[in-house]
C-alpha atoms as a PDB file:
ATOM      1  CA  MET A   1       0.000   0.000   0.000  1.00  0.00           C
ATOM      2  CA  THR A   2       1.392   3.361  -0.998  1.00  0.00           C
ATOM      3  CA  MET A   3       0.601   6.499   1.032  1.00  0.00           C
ATOM      4  CA  ILE A   4       0.376   9.751  -0.864  1.00  0.00           C
ATOM      5  CA  SER A   5       1.304  12.735   1.188  1.00  0.00           C
ATOM      6  CA  SER A   6       0.869  16.023  -0.585  1.00  0.00           C
ATOM      7  CA  PRO A   7      -1.049  19.247   0.132  1.00  0.00           C
ATOM      8  CA  LEU A   8      -3.138  18.670  -3.014  1.00  0.00           C
ATOM      9  CA  CYS A   9      -4.109  15.174  -1.891  1.00  0.00           C
ATOM     10  CA  GLY A  10      -5.103  16.400   1.598  1.00  0.00           C
ATOM     11  CA  SER A  11      -7.224  19.150   0.067  1.00  0.00           C
ATOM     12  CA  LEU A  12      -8.907  16.657  -2.269  1.00  0.00           C
ATOM     13  CA  ILE A  13      -9.709  14.288   0.594  1.00  0.00           C
ATOM     14  CA  ARG A  14     -11.191  17.122   2.692  1.00  0.00           C
ATOM     15  CA  SER A  15     -13.321  18.210  -0.272  1.00  0.00           C
ATOM     16  CA  LEU A  16     -14.605  14.672  -0.808  1.00  0.00           C
ATOM     17  CA  VAL A  17     -15.448  14.217   2.876  1.00  0.00           C
ATOM     18  CA  LEU A  18     -17.290  17.561   3.003  1.00  0.00           C
ATOM     19  CA  THR A  19     -19.161  16.721  -0.192  1.00  0.00           C
ATOM     20  CA  ALA A  20     -20.214  13.363   1.230  1.00  0.00           C
ATOM     21  CA  LEU A  21     -21.338  14.880   4.519  1.00  0.00           C
ATOM     22  CA  LEU A  22     -23.119  17.928   3.124  1.00  0.00           C
ATOM     23  CA  GLY A  23     -24.473  16.139   0.084  1.00  0.00           C
ATOM     24  CA  GLY A  24     -26.639  13.919   2.239  1.00  0.00           C
ATOM     25  CA  MET A  25     -28.020  16.904   4.129  1.00  0.00           C
ATOM     26  CA  LEU A  26     -28.538  19.270   1.200  1.00  0.00           C
ATOM     27  CA  GLY A  27     -29.152  17.002  -1.744  1.00  0.00           C
ATOM     28  CA  GLY A  28     -31.811  14.732  -0.263  1.00  0.00           C
ATOM     29  CA  SER A  29     -35.518  14.977  -0.812  1.00  0.00           C
ATOM     30  CA  ALA A  30     -36.024  16.642   2.600  1.00  0.00           C
ATOM     31  CA  VAL A  31     -35.010  20.129   1.477  1.00  0.00           C
ATOM     32  CA  ALA A  32     -36.072  22.755   3.999  1.00  0.00           C
ATOM     33  CA  GLY A  33     -38.840  25.177   3.063  1.00  0.00           C
ATOM     34  CA  ASP A  34     -38.909  28.756   4.210  1.00  0.00           C
ATOM     35  CA  PRO A  35     -36.558  29.446   7.102  1.00  0.00           C
ATOM     36  CA  THR A  36     -38.026  30.260  10.514  1.00  0.00           C
ATOM     37  CA  PHE A  37     -36.304  33.019  12.446  1.00  0.00           C
ATOM     38  CA  GLU A  38     -36.464  33.543  16.211  1.00  0.00           C
ATOM     39  CA  GLN A  39     -35.170  36.668  17.903  1.00  0.00           C
ATOM     40  CA  ILE A  40     -32.584  36.038  20.573  1.00  0.00           C
ATOM     41  CA  LEU A  41     -32.755  38.617  23.327  1.00  0.00           C
ATOM     42  CA  ALA A  42     -29.387  39.418  24.787  1.00  0.00           C
ATOM     43  CA  THR A  43     -28.996  41.002  28.204  1.00  0.00           C
ATOM     44  CA  ARG A  44     -30.631  44.416  28.015  1.00  0.00           C
ATOM     45  CA  LEU A  45     -31.063  47.455  30.200  1.00  0.00           C
ATOM     46  CA  VAL A  46     -34.511  47.585  31.836  1.00  0.00           C
ATOM     47  CA  GLN A  47     -36.065  50.939  30.929  1.00  0.00           C
ATOM     48  CA  SER A  48     -39.518  50.538  32.480  1.00  0.00           C
ATOM     49  CA  ILE A  49     -41.476  48.214  34.773  1.00  0.00           C
ATOM     50  CA  ALA A  50     -45.229  47.740  35.145  1.00  0.00           C
ATOM     51  CA  GLU A  51     -47.215  45.263  37.243  1.00  0.00           C
ATOM     52  CA  GLN A  52     -50.706  43.999  36.518  1.00  0.00           C
ATOM     53  CA  ASP A  53     -52.613  41.077  38.074  1.00  0.00           C
ATOM     54  CA  GLY A  54     -49.572  39.113  39.238  1.00  0.00           C
ATOM     55  CA  ARG A  55     -47.494  39.732  36.113  1.00  0.00           C
ATOM     56  CA  VAL A  56     -44.493  42.032  35.932  1.00  0.00           C
ATOM     57  CA  MET A  57     -43.701  43.528  32.520  1.00  0.00           C
ATOM     58  CA  THR A  58     -40.150  44.778  31.976  1.00  0.00           C
ATOM     59  CA  GLY A  59     -39.492  47.079  29.019  1.00  0.00           C
ATOM     60  CA  LEU A  60     -36.006  46.625  27.593  1.00  0.00           C
ATOM     61  CA  ASP A  61     -33.781  48.864  25.472  1.00  0.00           C
ATOM     62  CA  GLY A  62     -33.863  47.089  22.138  1.00  0.00           C
ATOM     63  CA  GLY A  63     -35.260  43.835  23.532  1.00  0.00           C
ATOM     64  CA  GLY A  64     -39.030  44.336  23.673  1.00  0.00           C
ATOM     65  CA  VAL A  65     -40.926  43.335  26.823  1.00  0.00           C
ATOM     66  CA  LEU A  66     -40.380  40.328  29.073  1.00  0.00           C
ATOM     67  CA  VAL A  67     -43.386  39.235  31.150  1.00  0.00           C
ATOM     68  CA  TRP A  68     -42.585  37.568  34.481  1.00  0.00           C
ATOM     69  CA  ASP A  69     -44.763  35.756  37.002  1.00  0.00           C
ATOM     70  CA  LEU A  70     -44.389  36.381  40.730  1.00  0.00           C
ATOM     71  CA  ASP A  71     -42.000  33.416  41.022  1.00  0.00           C
ATOM     72  CA  GLY A  72     -39.508  35.214  38.740  1.00  0.00           C
ATOM     73  CA  THR A  73     -40.098  33.020  35.693  1.00  0.00           C
ATOM     74  CA  VAL A  74     -40.378  34.574  32.237  1.00  0.00           C
ATOM     75  CA  VAL A  75     -43.811  33.522  30.962  1.00  0.00           C
ATOM     76  CA  ASP A  76     -44.037  35.602  27.784  1.00  0.00           C
ATOM     77  CA  ARG A  77     -41.963  37.780  25.478  1.00  0.00           C
ATOM     78  CA  TRP A  78     -43.316  40.574  23.299  1.00  0.00           C
ATOM     79  CA  THR A  79     -41.245  41.874  20.400  1.00  0.00           C
ATOM     80  CA  ALA A  80     -41.635  43.974  17.264  1.00  0.00           C
ATOM     81  CA  GLY A  81     -43.860  42.634  14.530  1.00  0.00           C
ATOM     82  CA  ASP A  82     -47.222  41.149  15.433  1.00  0.00           C
ATOM     83  CA  GLN A  83     -47.005  42.361  19.039  1.00  0.00           C
ATOM     84  CA  LEU A  84     -45.079  45.586  19.666  1.00  0.00           C
ATOM     85  CA  SER A  85     -44.488  48.397  17.198  1.00  0.00           C
ATOM     86  CA  GLY A  86     -40.778  48.318  18.111  1.00  0.00           C
ATOM     87  CA  ASN A  87     -38.226  46.768  20.469  1.00  0.00           C
ATOM     88  CA  ASP A  88     -36.639  49.869  22.033  1.00  0.00           C
ATOM     89  CA  VAL A  89     -39.083  50.256  24.941  1.00  0.00           C
ATOM     90  CA  ARG A  90     -38.697  53.545  26.820  1.00  0.00           C
ATOM     91  CA  ALA A  91     -41.805  53.678  29.044  1.00  0.00           C
ATOM     92  CA  MET A  92     -45.010  51.845  29.962  1.00  0.00           C
ATOM     93  CA  ALA A  93     -48.219  53.016  31.638  1.00  0.00           C
ATOM     94  CA  TRP A  94     -51.299  51.208  32.962  1.00  0.00           C
ATOM     95  CA  THR A  95     -54.433  53.321  32.531  1.00  0.00           C
ATOM     96  CA  GLY A  96     -56.811  51.100  34.459  1.00  0.00           C
ATOM     97  CA  SER A  97     -57.975  49.610  31.173  1.00  0.00           C
ATOM     98  CA  ASN A  98     -54.901  48.957  28.999  1.00  0.00           C
ATOM     99  CA  LEU A  99     -51.125  48.835  29.169  1.00  0.00           C
ATOM    100  CA  TRP A 100     -49.418  51.323  26.840  1.00  0.00           C
ATOM    101  CA  VAL A 101     -45.857  50.617  25.676  1.00  0.00           C
ATOM    102  CA  THR A 102     -43.641  53.201  23.967  1.00  0.00           C
ATOM    103  CA  ALA A 103     -41.180  52.104  21.307  1.00  0.00           C
ATOM    104  CA  PHE A 104     -38.558  54.716  20.446  1.00  0.00           C
ATOM    105  CA  GLY A 105     -38.499  55.128  16.683  1.00  0.00           C
ATOM    106  CA  ALA A 106     -41.629  53.017  16.234  1.00  0.00           C
ATOM    107  CA  GLY A 107     -44.571  54.650  18.056  1.00  0.00           C
ATOM    108  CA  LEU A 108     -46.844  53.112  20.702  1.00  0.00           C
ATOM    109  CA  THR A 109     -48.583  49.810  21.345  1.00  0.00           C
ATOM    110  CA  ARG A 110     -51.792  49.341  23.335  1.00  0.00           C
ATOM    111  CA  VAL A 111     -51.997  45.979  25.121  1.00  0.00           C
ATOM    112  CA  GLN A 112     -55.412  44.816  26.290  1.00  0.00           C
ATOM    113  CA  ASP A 113     -55.384  42.142  29.033  1.00  0.00           C
ATOM    114  CA  PRO A 114     -51.579  42.088  29.439  1.00  0.00           C
ATOM    115  CA  ALA A 115     -51.663  39.578  32.323  1.00  0.00           C
ATOM    116  CA  GLY A 116     -54.040  37.158  30.585  1.00  0.00           C
ATOM    117  CA  ASN A 117     -54.497  36.830  26.835  1.00  0.00           C
ATOM    118  CA  PRO A 118     -52.892  40.018  25.503  1.00  0.00           C
ATOM    119  CA  VAL A 119     -54.302  41.716  22.428  1.00  0.00           C
ATOM    120  CA  PHE A 120     -51.995  44.219  20.719  1.00  0.00           C
ATOM    121  CA  ARG A 121     -52.803  47.347  18.705  1.00  0.00           C
ATOM    122  CA  GLN A 122     -49.922  49.309  17.255  1.00  0.00           C
ATOM    123  CA  TYR A 123     -49.954  53.081  16.847  1.00  0.00           C
ATOM    124  CA  ALA A 124     -47.247  53.879  14.317  1.00  0.00           C
ATOM    125  CA  THR A 125     -49.145  56.400  12.180  1.00  0.00           C
ATOM    126  CA  ASN A 126     -51.442  59.339  12.924  1.00  0.00           C
ATOM    127  CA  ILE A 127     -49.424  60.226  16.019  1.00  0.00           C
ATOM    128  CA  ALA A 128     -47.172  63.193  16.738  1.00  0.00           C
ATOM    129  CA  GLY A 129     -43.929  61.330  16.019  1.00  0.00           C
ATOM    130  CA  LEU A 130     -42.455  57.858  16.157  1.00  0.00           C
ATOM    131  CA  ASP A 131     -39.718  58.714  18.664  1.00  0.00           C
ATOM    132  CA  VAL A 132     -42.018  58.174  21.648  1.00  0.00           C
ATOM    133  CA  GLN A 133     -40.211  58.214  24.981  1.00  0.00           C
ATOM    134  CA  ALA A 134     -42.878  58.879  27.618  1.00  0.00           C
ATOM    135  CA  VAL A 135     -46.487  57.819  28.250  1.00  0.00           C
ATOM    136  CA  THR A 136     -49.126  58.236  30.928  1.00  0.00           C
ATOM    137  CA  GLY A 137     -52.849  57.770  31.044  1.00  0.00           C
ATOM    138  CA  ARG A 138     -55.941  57.072  33.083  1.00  0.00           C
ATOM    139  CA  LEU A 139     -59.654  56.560  32.923  1.00  0.00           C
ATOM    140  CA  VAL A 140     -61.772  59.694  33.153  1.00  0.00           C
ATOM    141  CA  GLY A 141     -65.208  58.280  33.839  1.00  0.00           C
ATOM    142  CA  THR A 142     -65.403  55.527  31.232  1.00  0.00           C
ATOM    143  CA  SER A 143     -63.109  57.326  28.792  1.00  0.00           C
ATOM    144  CA  GLU A 144     -59.448  56.290  28.496  1.00  0.00           C
ATOM    145  CA  ARG A 145     -57.046  59.198  27.955  1.00  0.00           C
ATOM    146  CA  VAL A 146     -53.416  58.592  27.051  1.00  0.00           C
ATOM    147  CA  TYR A 147     -50.754  61.288  26.744  1.00  0.00           C
ATOM    148  CA  TYR A 148     -47.442  60.505  25.111  1.00  0.00           C
ATOM    149  CA  GLY A 149     -44.259  62.560  24.765  1.00  0.00           C
ATOM    150  CA  THR A 150     -41.889  62.505  21.812  1.00  0.00           C
ATOM    151  CA  ALA A 151     -38.301  63.479  21.085  1.00  0.00           C
ATOM    152  CA  GLY A 152     -38.886  66.645  19.082  1.00  0.00           C
ATOM    153  CA  GLU A 153     -42.511  66.412  17.920  1.00  0.00           C
ATOM    154  CA  GLY A 154     -44.325  67.536  21.076  1.00  0.00           C
ATOM    155  CA  MET A 155     -46.961  65.739  23.104  1.00  0.00           C
ATOM    156  CA  GLY A 156     -49.906  63.787  21.763  1.00  0.00           C
ATOM    157  CA  LEU A 157     -53.260  62.657  23.120  1.00  0.00           C
ATOM    158  CA  ILE A 158     -55.192  59.465  22.387  1.00  0.00           C
ATOM    159  CA  ILE A 159     -58.808  59.286  23.576  1.00  0.00           C
ATOM    160  CA  ASP A 160     -60.528  55.884  23.667  1.00  0.00           C
ATOM    161  CA  GLY A 161     -58.037  54.475  21.181  1.00  0.00           C
ATOM    162  CA  LEU A 162     -58.344  57.308  18.647  1.00  0.00           C
ATOM    163  CA  SER A 163     -55.488  59.727  17.983  1.00  0.00           C
ATOM    164  CA  SER A 164     -56.552  63.204  18.999  1.00  0.00           C
ATOM    165  CA  ALA A 165     -54.656  66.429  19.619  1.00  0.00           C
ATOM    166  CA  VAL A 166     -50.938  67.086  19.259  1.00  0.00           C
ATOM    167  CA  TYR A 167     -49.456  69.847  21.413  1.00  0.00           C
ATOM    168  CA  THR A 168     -46.259  71.677  20.375  1.00  0.00           C
ATOM    169  CA  SER A 169     -44.140  74.588  21.546  1.00  0.00           C
ATOM    170  CA  GLY A 170     -44.999  76.690  18.503  1.00  0.00           C
ATOM    171  CA  GLN A 171     -48.787  76.310  18.696  1.00  0.00           C
ATOM    172  CA  ASP A 172     -49.590  75.450  22.294  1.00  0.00           C
ATOM    173  CA  GLY A 173     -46.853  76.935  24.456  1.00  0.00           C
ATOM    174  CA  LEU A 174     -44.905  73.836  25.470  1.00  0.00           C
ATOM    175  CA  ILE A 175     -41.437  74.780  26.701  1.00  0.00           C
ATOM    176  CA  SER A 176     -39.925  72.265  24.272  1.00  0.00           C
ATOM    177  CA  ASP A 177     -41.128  69.793  21.668  1.00  0.00           C
ATOM    178  CA  THR A 178     -39.001  67.151  23.360  1.00  0.00           C
ATOM    179  CA  VAL A 179     -41.019  65.613  26.193  1.00  0.00           C
ATOM    180  CA  ASN A 180     -38.895  63.280  28.337  1.00  0.00           C
ATOM    181  CA  ASP A 181     -41.391  62.298  31.037  1.00  0.00           C
ATOM    182  CA  LEU A 182     -45.098  62.521  31.829  1.00  0.00           C
ATOM    183  CA  HIS A 183     -47.142  61.943  34.990  1.00  0.00           C
END
């Protein structure tokens, strides 16, 4: 038996082995369909916390919202797409009816029944600006009123889920069109 020892031979053998290994995975009849992607949330800075009915929602900078039970177990994760309007959560507010989540650069999301079976409605148009960084709200009688502050576009109002007024420094006397916090 003769052994061939050359760089070309070693390269050829590696190519044949890779072809044999990958050929079975890629060339078979079980070719994968559309890929499925899952977001992986790295460690993030907690920007906001809200509690409702035994669930704690933590808004993360770039990581969406993690929902925890009282035992400290993550029971749900909300991210951009079908749930939140964006992942860079700056603030959250419970109005007594809904949870409102700001997403810097992507608007607001209203979450009905956040501790049970959440239903999401995104507000990414017909609002003062997408760089939302503050939110507050409450029920006035049976009417839900939500105020949100933006980075440079003033302060907006949503009444019973419908976008309403926008207040600015030029028209309404705000000190600045950048609203960092609301209470």
